[in-house]
Amino acid sequence: EGKRREKLSLIGDFSSSAEFFVTIAVFAFLYSLA
């Protein structure tokens, strides 16, 4: 509609499950090394 543009964003926040997974992996790695 002319030169006008709209600003959009994706939907959802999935950081909790991803960060929890990575945190467990890091601590498991450190403990297994120790």
Full PDB file with SEQRES, HELIX, SHEET, SSBOND, CRYST1, ORIGX, SCALE, CONECT and MASTER records, all heavy atoms in Angstrom:
SEQRES   1 A   34  GLU GLY LYS ARG ARG GLU LYS LEU SER LEU ILE GLY ASP          
SEQRES   2 A   34  PHE SER SER SER ALA GLU PHE PHE VAL THR ILE ALA VAL          
SEQRES   3 A   34  PHE ALA PHE LEU TYR SER LEU ALA                              
HELIX    1 AA1 SER A   15  LEU A   33  1                                  19    
CRYST1    1.000    1.000    1.000  90.00  90.00  90.00 P 1           1          
ORIGX1      1.000000  0.000000  0.000000        0.00000                         
ORIGX2      0.000000  1.000000  0.000000        0.00000                         
ORIGX3      0.000000  0.000000  1.000000        0.00000                         
SCALE1      1.000000  0.000000  0.000000        0.00000                         
SCALE2      0.000000  1.000000  0.000000        0.00000                         
SCALE3      0.000000  0.000000  1.000000        0.00000                         
ATOM      1  N   GLU A   1       0.857  -1.186   0.000  1.00  0.00           N  
ATOM      2  CA  GLU A   1       0.000   0.000   0.000  1.00  0.00           C  
ATOM      3  C   GLU A   1       0.898   1.243   0.000  1.00  0.00           C  
ATOM      4  O   GLU A   1       1.111   1.878   1.034  1.00  0.00           O  
ATOM      5  CB  GLU A   1      -0.930   0.012   1.212  1.00  0.00           C  
ATOM      6  CG  GLU A   1      -1.917  -1.141   1.243  1.00  0.00           C  
ATOM      7  CD  GLU A   1      -2.753  -1.156   2.507  1.00  0.00           C  
ATOM      8  OE1 GLU A   1      -2.490  -0.289   3.391  1.00  0.00           O  
ATOM      9  OE2 GLU A   1      -3.644  -2.012   2.629  1.00  0.00           O  
ATOM     10  N   GLY A   2       1.470   1.503  -1.106  1.00  0.00           N  
ATOM     11  CA  GLY A   2       2.425   2.596  -1.203  1.00  0.00           C  
ATOM     12  C   GLY A   2       3.781   2.147  -0.674  1.00  0.00           C  
ATOM     13  O   GLY A   2       4.156   0.969  -0.717  1.00  0.00           O  
ATOM     14  N   LYS A   3       4.529   3.083  -0.164  1.00  0.00           N  
ATOM     15  CA  LYS A   3       5.863   2.794   0.346  1.00  0.00           C  
ATOM     16  C   LYS A   3       5.856   2.387   1.820  1.00  0.00           C  
ATOM     17  O   LYS A   3       6.913   2.167   2.397  1.00  0.00           O  
ATOM     18  CB  LYS A   3       6.746   4.032   0.173  1.00  0.00           C  
ATOM     19  CG  LYS A   3       6.943   4.439  -1.289  1.00  0.00           C  
ATOM     20  CD  LYS A   3       7.729   3.381  -2.053  1.00  0.00           C  
ATOM     21  CE  LYS A   3       8.003   3.825  -3.484  1.00  0.00           C  
ATOM     22  NZ  LYS A   3       8.755   2.815  -4.252  1.00  0.00           N  
ATOM     23  N   ARG A   4       4.721   2.318   2.391  1.00  0.00           N  
ATOM     24  CA  ARG A   4       4.642   2.019   3.823  1.00  0.00           C  
ATOM     25  C   ARG A   4       5.000   0.551   4.087  1.00  0.00           C  
ATOM     26  O   ARG A   4       4.574  -0.342   3.357  1.00  0.00           O  
ATOM     27  CB  ARG A   4       3.233   2.322   4.345  1.00  0.00           C  
ATOM     28  CG  ARG A   4       3.124   2.229   5.867  1.00  0.00           C  
ATOM     29  CD  ARG A   4       1.745   2.727   6.298  1.00  0.00           C  
ATOM     30  NE  ARG A   4       0.696   1.842   5.774  1.00  0.00           N  
ATOM     31  CZ  ARG A   4       0.272   0.747   6.419  1.00  0.00           C  
ATOM     32  NH1 ARG A   4       0.817   0.408   7.578  1.00  0.00           N  
ATOM     33  NH2 ARG A   4      -0.698   0.047   5.891  1.00  0.00           N  
ATOM     34  N   ARG A   5       5.746   0.369   5.159  1.00  0.00           N  
ATOM     35  CA  ARG A   5       6.142  -0.974   5.578  1.00  0.00           C  
ATOM     36  C   ARG A   5       5.691  -1.170   7.025  1.00  0.00           C  
ATOM     37  O   ARG A   5       5.584  -0.219   7.810  1.00  0.00           O  
ATOM     38  CB  ARG A   5       7.658  -1.175   5.467  1.00  0.00           C  
ATOM     39  CG  ARG A   5       8.185  -1.036   4.025  1.00  0.00           C  
ATOM     40  CD  ARG A   5       9.711  -1.151   4.002  1.00  0.00           C  
ATOM     41  NE  ARG A   5      10.163  -2.496   4.322  1.00  0.00           N  
ATOM     42  CZ  ARG A   5      10.330  -3.458   3.422  1.00  0.00           C  
ATOM     43  NH1 ARG A   5      10.063  -3.224   2.126  1.00  0.00           N  
ATOM     44  NH2 ARG A   5      10.770  -4.633   3.771  1.00  0.00           N  
ATOM     45  N   GLU A   6       5.465  -2.391   7.347  1.00  0.00           N  
ATOM     46  CA  GLU A   6       5.034  -2.711   8.708  1.00  0.00           C  
ATOM     47  C   GLU A   6       6.131  -3.491   9.433  1.00  0.00           C  
ATOM     48  O   GLU A   6       6.893  -4.247   8.837  1.00  0.00           O  
ATOM     49  CB  GLU A   6       3.744  -3.530   8.675  1.00  0.00           C  
ATOM     50  CG  GLU A   6       3.844  -4.852   7.950  1.00  0.00           C  
ATOM     51  CD  GLU A   6       2.528  -5.604   7.936  1.00  0.00           C  
ATOM     52  OE1 GLU A   6       1.612  -5.193   8.675  1.00  0.00           O  
ATOM     53  OE2 GLU A   6       2.425  -6.601   7.188  1.00  0.00           O  
ATOM     54  N   LYS A   7       6.199  -3.274  10.726  1.00  0.00           N  
ATOM     55  CA  LYS A   7       7.196  -3.948  11.553  1.00  0.00           C  
ATOM     56  C   LYS A   7       6.521  -5.081  12.314  1.00  0.00           C  
ATOM     57  O   LYS A   7       5.569  -4.866  13.076  1.00  0.00           O  
ATOM     58  CB  LYS A   7       7.834  -2.967  12.535  1.00  0.00           C  
ATOM     59  CG  LYS A   7       9.035  -3.540  13.275  1.00  0.00           C  
ATOM     60  CD  LYS A   7       9.726  -2.473  14.107  1.00  0.00           C  
ATOM     61  CE  LYS A   7      10.979  -3.030  14.766  1.00  0.00           C  
ATOM     62  NZ  LYS A   7      11.678  -1.975  15.552  1.00  0.00           N  
ATOM     63  N   LEU A   8       7.022  -6.276  12.094  1.00  0.00           N  
ATOM     64  CA  LEU A   8       6.448  -7.476  12.699  1.00  0.00           C  
ATOM     65  C   LEU A   8       7.495  -8.213  13.527  1.00  0.00           C  
ATOM     66  O   LEU A   8       8.695  -7.919  13.469  1.00  0.00           O  
ATOM     67  CB  LEU A   8       5.898  -8.404  11.613  1.00  0.00           C  
ATOM     68  CG  LEU A   8       4.830  -7.816  10.687  1.00  0.00           C  
ATOM     69  CD1 LEU A   8       4.517  -8.789   9.565  1.00  0.00           C  
ATOM     70  CD2 LEU A   8       3.568  -7.466  11.469  1.00  0.00           C  
ATOM     71  N   SER A   9       7.042  -9.170  14.281  1.00  0.00           N  
ATOM     72  CA  SER A   9       7.945 -10.016  15.081  1.00  0.00           C  
ATOM     73  C   SER A   9       7.399 -11.438  15.099  1.00  0.00           C  
ATOM     74  O   SER A   9       6.181 -11.659  14.932  1.00  0.00           O  
ATOM     75  CB  SER A   9       8.090  -9.485  16.506  1.00  0.00           C  
ATOM     76  OG  SER A   9       6.840  -9.485  17.171  1.00  0.00           O  
ATOM     77  N   LEU A  10       8.308 -12.381  15.314  1.00  0.00           N  
ATOM     78  CA  LEU A  10       7.889 -13.775  15.428  1.00  0.00           C  
ATOM     79  C   LEU A  10       7.131 -13.981  16.734  1.00  0.00           C  
ATOM     80  O   LEU A  10       7.116 -13.119  17.623  1.00  0.00           O  
ATOM     81  CB  LEU A  10       9.107 -14.692  15.359  1.00  0.00           C  
ATOM     82  CG  LEU A  10       9.918 -14.656  14.050  1.00  0.00           C  
ATOM     83  CD1 LEU A  10      11.105 -15.597  14.135  1.00  0.00           C  
ATOM     84  CD2 LEU A  10       9.039 -15.015  12.858  1.00  0.00           C  
ATOM     85  N   ILE A  11       6.522 -15.122  16.867  1.00  0.00           N  
ATOM     86  CA  ILE A  11       5.675 -15.424  18.023  1.00  0.00           C  
ATOM     87  C   ILE A  11       6.323 -16.513  18.871  1.00  0.00           C  
ATOM     88  O   ILE A  11       6.786 -17.535  18.353  1.00  0.00           O  
ATOM     89  CB  ILE A  11       4.273 -15.879  17.575  1.00  0.00           C  
ATOM     90  CG1 ILE A  11       3.591 -14.770  16.771  1.00  0.00           C  
ATOM     91  CG2 ILE A  11       3.421 -16.267  18.774  1.00  0.00           C  
ATOM     92  CD1 ILE A  11       2.254 -15.204  16.198  1.00  0.00           C  
ATOM     93  N   GLY A  12       6.363 -16.269  20.179  1.00  0.00           N  
ATOM     94  CA  GLY A  12       6.789 -17.308  21.105  1.00  0.00           C  
ATOM     95  C   GLY A  12       8.095 -17.001  21.807  1.00  0.00           C  
ATOM     96  O   GLY A  12       8.959 -16.303  21.278  1.00  0.00           O  
ATOM     97  N   ASP A  13       8.226 -17.549  23.028  1.00  0.00           N  
ATOM     98  CA  ASP A  13       9.460 -17.473  23.814  1.00  0.00           C  
ATOM     99  C   ASP A  13       9.757 -18.871  24.334  1.00  0.00           C  
ATOM    100  O   ASP A  13       9.068 -19.378  25.222  1.00  0.00           O  
ATOM    101  CB  ASP A  13       9.300 -16.488  24.966  1.00  0.00           C  
ATOM    102  CG  ASP A  13      10.590 -16.332  25.772  1.00  0.00           C  
ATOM    103  OD1 ASP A  13      11.618 -16.908  25.375  1.00  0.00           O  
ATOM    104  OD2 ASP A  13      10.555 -15.632  26.804  1.00  0.00           O  
ATOM    105  N   PHE A  14      10.770 -19.481  23.784  1.00  0.00           N  
ATOM    106  CA  PHE A  14      11.121 -20.864  24.131  1.00  0.00           C  
ATOM    107  C   PHE A  14      12.491 -20.935  24.806  1.00  0.00           C  
ATOM    108  O   PHE A  14      13.175 -21.958  24.737  1.00  0.00           O  
ATOM    109  CB  PHE A  14      11.098 -21.722  22.869  1.00  0.00           C  
ATOM    110  CG  PHE A  14       9.855 -21.547  22.053  1.00  0.00           C  
ATOM    111  CD1 PHE A  14       9.850 -20.747  20.917  1.00  0.00           C  
ATOM    112  CD2 PHE A  14       8.665 -22.139  22.442  1.00  0.00           C  
ATOM    113  CE1 PHE A  14       8.695 -20.571  20.174  1.00  0.00           C  
ATOM    114  CE2 PHE A  14       7.512 -21.974  21.695  1.00  0.00           C  
ATOM    115  CZ  PHE A  14       7.520 -21.184  20.564  1.00  0.00           C  
ATOM    116  N   SER A  15      12.855 -19.853  25.458  1.00  0.00           N  
ATOM    117  CA  SER A  15      14.178 -19.787  26.079  1.00  0.00           C  
ATOM    118  C   SER A  15      14.279 -20.656  27.325  1.00  0.00           C  
ATOM    119  O   SER A  15      15.364 -21.149  27.651  1.00  0.00           O  
ATOM    120  CB  SER A  15      14.512 -18.334  26.440  1.00  0.00           C  
ATOM    121  OG  SER A  15      13.542 -17.803  27.331  1.00  0.00           O  
ATOM    122  N   SER A  16      13.174 -20.833  28.041  1.00  0.00           N  
ATOM    123  CA  SER A  16      13.238 -21.572  29.307  1.00  0.00           C  
ATOM    124  C   SER A  16      13.667 -23.023  29.088  1.00  0.00           C  
ATOM    125  O   SER A  16      14.582 -23.524  29.760  1.00  0.00           O  
ATOM    126  CB  SER A  16      11.882 -21.519  30.022  1.00  0.00           C  
ATOM    127  OG  SER A  16      10.864 -22.060  29.190  1.00  0.00           O  
ATOM    128  N   SER A  17      13.026 -23.709  28.155  1.00  0.00           N  
ATOM    129  CA  SER A  17      13.379 -25.113  27.907  1.00  0.00           C  
ATOM    130  C   SER A  17      14.764 -25.249  27.289  1.00  0.00           C  
ATOM    131  O   SER A  17      15.524 -26.162  27.635  1.00  0.00           O  
ATOM    132  CB  SER A  17      12.334 -25.765  27.006  1.00  0.00           C  
ATOM    133  OG  SER A  17      12.243 -25.090  25.759  1.00  0.00           O  
ATOM    134  N   ALA A  18      15.120 -24.320  26.394  1.00  0.00           N  
ATOM    135  CA  ALA A  18      16.436 -24.386  25.758  1.00  0.00           C  
ATOM    136  C   ALA A  18      17.547 -24.105  26.763  1.00  0.00           C  
ATOM    137  O   ALA A  18      18.567 -24.816  26.803  1.00  0.00           O  
ATOM    138  CB  ALA A  18      16.504 -23.396  24.597  1.00  0.00           C  
ATOM    139  N   GLU A  19      17.378 -23.089  27.586  1.00  0.00           N  
ATOM    140  CA  GLU A  19      18.408 -22.755  28.573  1.00  0.00           C  
ATOM    141  C   GLU A  19      18.519 -23.824  29.656  1.00  0.00           C  
ATOM    142  O   GLU A  19      19.620 -24.102  30.141  1.00  0.00           O  
ATOM    143  CB  GLU A  19      18.102 -21.396  29.193  1.00  0.00           C  
ATOM    144  CG  GLU A  19      18.305 -20.232  28.229  1.00  0.00           C  
ATOM    145  CD  GLU A  19      17.916 -18.908  28.842  1.00  0.00           C  
ATOM    146  OE1 GLU A  19      17.159 -18.926  29.846  1.00  0.00           O  
ATOM    147  OE2 GLU A  19      18.350 -17.856  28.331  1.00  0.00           O  
ATOM    148  N   PHE A  20      17.402 -24.393  30.040  1.00  0.00           N  
ATOM    149  CA  PHE A  20      17.439 -25.481  31.023  1.00  0.00           C  
ATOM    150  C   PHE A  20      18.203 -26.677  30.471  1.00  0.00           C  
ATOM    151  O   PHE A  20      19.025 -27.284  31.174  1.00  0.00           O  
ATOM    152  CB  PHE A  20      16.015 -25.877  31.384  1.00  0.00           C  
ATOM    153  CG  PHE A  20      15.918 -27.004  32.370  1.00  0.00           C  
ATOM    154  CD1 PHE A  20      16.597 -26.959  33.573  1.00  0.00           C  
ATOM    155  CD2 PHE A  20      15.138 -28.118  32.103  1.00  0.00           C  
ATOM    156  CE1 PHE A  20      16.511 -27.994  34.490  1.00  0.00           C  
ATOM    157  CE2 PHE A  20      15.041 -29.156  32.997  1.00  0.00           C  
ATOM    158  CZ  PHE A  20      15.729 -29.095  34.199  1.00  0.00           C  
ATOM    159  N   PHE A  21      17.970 -27.012  29.228  1.00  0.00           N  
ATOM    160  CA  PHE A  21      18.670 -28.121  28.596  1.00  0.00           C  
ATOM    161  C   PHE A  21      20.176 -27.871  28.527  1.00  0.00           C  
ATOM    162  O   PHE A  21      20.983 -28.738  28.877  1.00  0.00           O  
ATOM    163  CB  PHE A  21      18.100 -28.349  27.195  1.00  0.00           C  
ATOM    164  CG  PHE A  21      18.762 -29.446  26.422  1.00  0.00           C  
ATOM    165  CD1 PHE A  21      18.440 -30.776  26.645  1.00  0.00           C  
ATOM    166  CD2 PHE A  21      19.716 -29.158  25.455  1.00  0.00           C  
ATOM    167  CE1 PHE A  21      19.051 -31.796  25.928  1.00  0.00           C  
ATOM    168  CE2 PHE A  21      20.322 -30.167  24.728  1.00  0.00           C  
ATOM    169  CZ  PHE A  21      19.993 -31.488  24.971  1.00  0.00           C  
ATOM    170  N   VAL A  22      20.551 -26.687  28.097  1.00  0.00           N  
ATOM    171  CA  VAL A  22      21.977 -26.358  27.987  1.00  0.00           C  
ATOM    172  C   VAL A  22      22.641 -26.306  29.361  1.00  0.00           C  
ATOM    173  O   VAL A  22      23.788 -26.744  29.532  1.00  0.00           O  
ATOM    174  CB  VAL A  22      22.156 -25.032  27.233  1.00  0.00           C  
ATOM    175  CG1 VAL A  22      23.603 -24.565  27.284  1.00  0.00           C  
ATOM    176  CG2 VAL A  22      21.706 -25.180  25.786  1.00  0.00           C  
ATOM    177  N   THR A  23      21.937 -25.791  30.356  1.00  0.00           N  
ATOM    178  CA  THR A  23      22.497 -25.727  31.707  1.00  0.00           C  
ATOM    179  C   THR A  23      22.783 -27.113  32.255  1.00  0.00           C  
ATOM    180  O   THR A  23      23.858 -27.353  32.837  1.00  0.00           O  
ATOM    181  CB  THR A  23      21.521 -24.982  32.641  1.00  0.00           C  
ATOM    182  OG1 THR A  23      21.308 -23.660  32.149  1.00  0.00           O  
ATOM    183  CG2 THR A  23      22.090 -24.897  34.052  1.00  0.00           C  
ATOM    184  N   ILE A  24      21.854 -28.037  32.099  1.00  0.00           N  
ATOM    185  CA  ILE A  24      22.070 -29.412  32.557  1.00  0.00           C  
ATOM    186  C   ILE A  24      23.248 -30.032  31.820  1.00  0.00           C  
ATOM    187  O   ILE A  24      24.078 -30.739  32.416  1.00  0.00           O  
ATOM    188  CB  ILE A  24      20.793 -30.254  32.360  1.00  0.00           C  
ATOM    189  CG1 ILE A  24      19.655 -29.689  33.219  1.00  0.00           C  
ATOM    190  CG2 ILE A  24      21.057 -31.711  32.722  1.00  0.00           C  
ATOM    191  CD1 ILE A  24      19.958 -29.619  34.688  1.00  0.00           C  
ATOM    192  N   ALA A  25      23.350 -29.766  30.526  1.00  0.00           N  
ATOM    193  CA  ALA A  25      24.456 -30.328  29.751  1.00  0.00           C  
ATOM    194  C   ALA A  25      25.804 -29.792  30.235  1.00  0.00           C  
ATOM    195  O   ALA A  25      26.781 -30.551  30.351  1.00  0.00           O  
ATOM    196  CB  ALA A  25      24.259 -30.017  28.268  1.00  0.00           C  
ATOM    197  N   VAL A  26      25.872 -28.508  30.533  1.00  0.00           N  
ATOM    198  CA  VAL A  26      27.138 -27.914  30.995  1.00  0.00           C  
ATOM    199  C   VAL A  26      27.538 -28.477  32.353  1.00  0.00           C  
ATOM    200  O   VAL A  26      28.698 -28.866  32.571  1.00  0.00           O  
ATOM    201  CB  VAL A  26      27.010 -26.380  31.045  1.00  0.00           C  
ATOM    202  CG1 VAL A  26      28.227 -25.770  31.735  1.00  0.00           C  
ATOM    203  CG2 VAL A  26      26.870 -25.811  29.645  1.00  0.00           C  
ATOM    204  N   PHE A  27      26.585 -28.538  33.289  1.00  0.00           N  
ATOM    205  CA  PHE A  27      26.908 -29.072  34.614  1.00  0.00           C  
ATOM    206  C   PHE A  27      27.245 -30.556  34.560  1.00  0.00           C  
ATOM    207  O   PHE A  27      28.106 -31.032  35.309  1.00  0.00           O  
ATOM    208  CB  PHE A  27      25.747 -28.814  35.573  1.00  0.00           C  
ATOM    209  CG  PHE A  27      25.729 -27.438  36.158  1.00  0.00           C  
ATOM    210  CD1 PHE A  27      24.819 -26.500  35.717  1.00  0.00           C  
ATOM    211  CD2 PHE A  27      26.646 -27.067  37.133  1.00  0.00           C  
ATOM    212  CE1 PHE A  27      24.793 -25.223  36.250  1.00  0.00           C  
ATOM    213  CE2 PHE A  27      26.639 -25.786  37.674  1.00  0.00           C  
ATOM    214  CZ  PHE A  27      25.715 -24.856  37.229  1.00  0.00           C  
ATOM    215  N   ALA A  28      26.578 -31.304  33.709  1.00  0.00           N  
ATOM    216  CA  ALA A  28      26.911 -32.727  33.550  1.00  0.00           C  
ATOM    217  C   ALA A  28      28.318 -32.887  32.986  1.00  0.00           C  
ATOM    218  O   ALA A  28      29.063 -33.792  33.397  1.00  0.00           O  
ATOM    219  CB  ALA A  28      25.894 -33.409  32.645  1.00  0.00           C  
ATOM    220  N   PHE A  29      28.688 -32.028  32.057  1.00  0.00           N  
ATOM    221  CA  PHE A  29      30.041 -32.071  31.500  1.00  0.00           C  
ATOM    222  C   PHE A  29      31.091 -31.770  32.570  1.00  0.00           C  
ATOM    223  O   PHE A  29      32.100 -32.483  32.690  1.00  0.00           O  
ATOM    224  CB  PHE A  29      30.153 -31.060  30.353  1.00  0.00           C  
ATOM    225  CG  PHE A  29      31.550 -30.830  29.872  1.00  0.00           C  
ATOM    226  CD1 PHE A  29      32.211 -31.789  29.116  1.00  0.00           C  
ATOM    227  CD2 PHE A  29      32.215 -29.649  30.175  1.00  0.00           C  
ATOM    228  CE1 PHE A  29      33.509 -31.576  28.677  1.00  0.00           C  
ATOM    229  CE2 PHE A  29      33.506 -29.430  29.743  1.00  0.00           C  
ATOM    230  CZ  PHE A  29      34.160 -30.396  28.991  1.00  0.00           C  
ATOM    231  N   LEU A  30      30.840 -30.743  33.376  1.00  0.00           N  
ATOM    232  CA  LEU A  30      31.802 -30.379  34.422  1.00  0.00           C  
ATOM    233  C   LEU A  30      31.915 -31.478  35.477  1.00  0.00           C  
ATOM    234  O   LEU A  30      33.020 -31.813  35.923  1.00  0.00           O  
ATOM    235  CB  LEU A  30      31.379 -29.061  35.073  1.00  0.00           C  
ATOM    236  CG  LEU A  30      31.415 -27.823  34.174  1.00  0.00           C  
ATOM    237  CD1 LEU A  30      30.897 -26.606  34.924  1.00  0.00           C  
ATOM    238  CD2 LEU A  30      32.832 -27.576  33.643  1.00  0.00           C  
ATOM    239  N   TYR A  31      30.780 -32.053  35.869  1.00  0.00           N  
ATOM    240  CA  TYR A  31      30.835 -33.117  36.877  1.00  0.00           C  
ATOM    241  C   TYR A  31      31.530 -34.365  36.340  1.00  0.00           C  
ATOM    242  O   TYR A  31      32.302 -35.002  37.062  1.00  0.00           O  
ATOM    243  CB  TYR A  31      29.428 -33.476  37.345  1.00  0.00           C  
ATOM    244  CG  TYR A  31      29.432 -34.609  38.339  1.00  0.00           C  
ATOM    245  CD1 TYR A  31      29.768 -34.393  39.664  1.00  0.00           C  
ATOM    246  CD2 TYR A  31      29.123 -35.910  37.937  1.00  0.00           C  
ATOM    247  CE1 TYR A  31      29.799 -35.436  40.574  1.00  0.00           C  
ATOM    248  CE2 TYR A  31      29.145 -36.958  38.840  1.00  0.00           C  
ATOM    249  CZ  TYR A  31      29.483 -36.713  40.158  1.00  0.00           C  
ATOM    250  OH  TYR A  31      29.511 -37.752  41.058  1.00  0.00           O  
ATOM    251  N   SER A  32      31.249 -34.723  35.096  1.00  0.00           N  
ATOM    252  CA  SER A  32      31.893 -35.911  34.529  1.00  0.00           C  
ATOM    253  C   SER A  32      33.398 -35.724  34.416  1.00  0.00           C  
ATOM    254  O   SER A  32      34.167 -36.670  34.631  1.00  0.00           O  
ATOM    255  CB  SER A  32      31.286 -36.230  33.162  1.00  0.00           C  
ATOM    256  OG  SER A  32      31.461 -35.139  32.264  1.00  0.00           O  
ATOM    257  N   LEU A  33      33.837 -34.504  34.113  1.00  0.00           N  
ATOM    258  CA  LEU A  33      35.274 -34.239  34.089  1.00  0.00           C  
ATOM    259  C   LEU A  33      35.882 -34.370  35.481  1.00  0.00           C  
ATOM    260  O   LEU A  33      36.948 -34.981  35.662  1.00  0.00           O  
ATOM    261  CB  LEU A  33      35.547 -32.848  33.527  1.00  0.00           C  
ATOM    262  CG  LEU A  33      35.479 -32.659  32.014  1.00  0.00           C  
ATOM    263  CD1 LEU A  33      35.875 -31.234  31.645  1.00  0.00           C  
ATOM    264  CD2 LEU A  33      36.378 -33.654  31.291  1.00  0.00           C  
ATOM    265  N   ALA A  34      35.216 -33.792  36.472  1.00  0.00           N  
ATOM    266  CA  ALA A  34      35.717 -33.892  37.841  1.00  0.00           C  
ATOM    267  C   ALA A  34      35.733 -35.342  38.311  1.00  0.00           C  
ATOM    268  O   ALA A  34      36.684 -35.785  38.966  1.00  0.00           O  
ATOM    269  CB  ALA A  34      34.852 -33.041  38.773  1.00  0.00           C  
TER     270      ALA A  34                                                      
MASTER        0    0    0    1    0    0    0    6  269    1    0    3          
END                                                                             
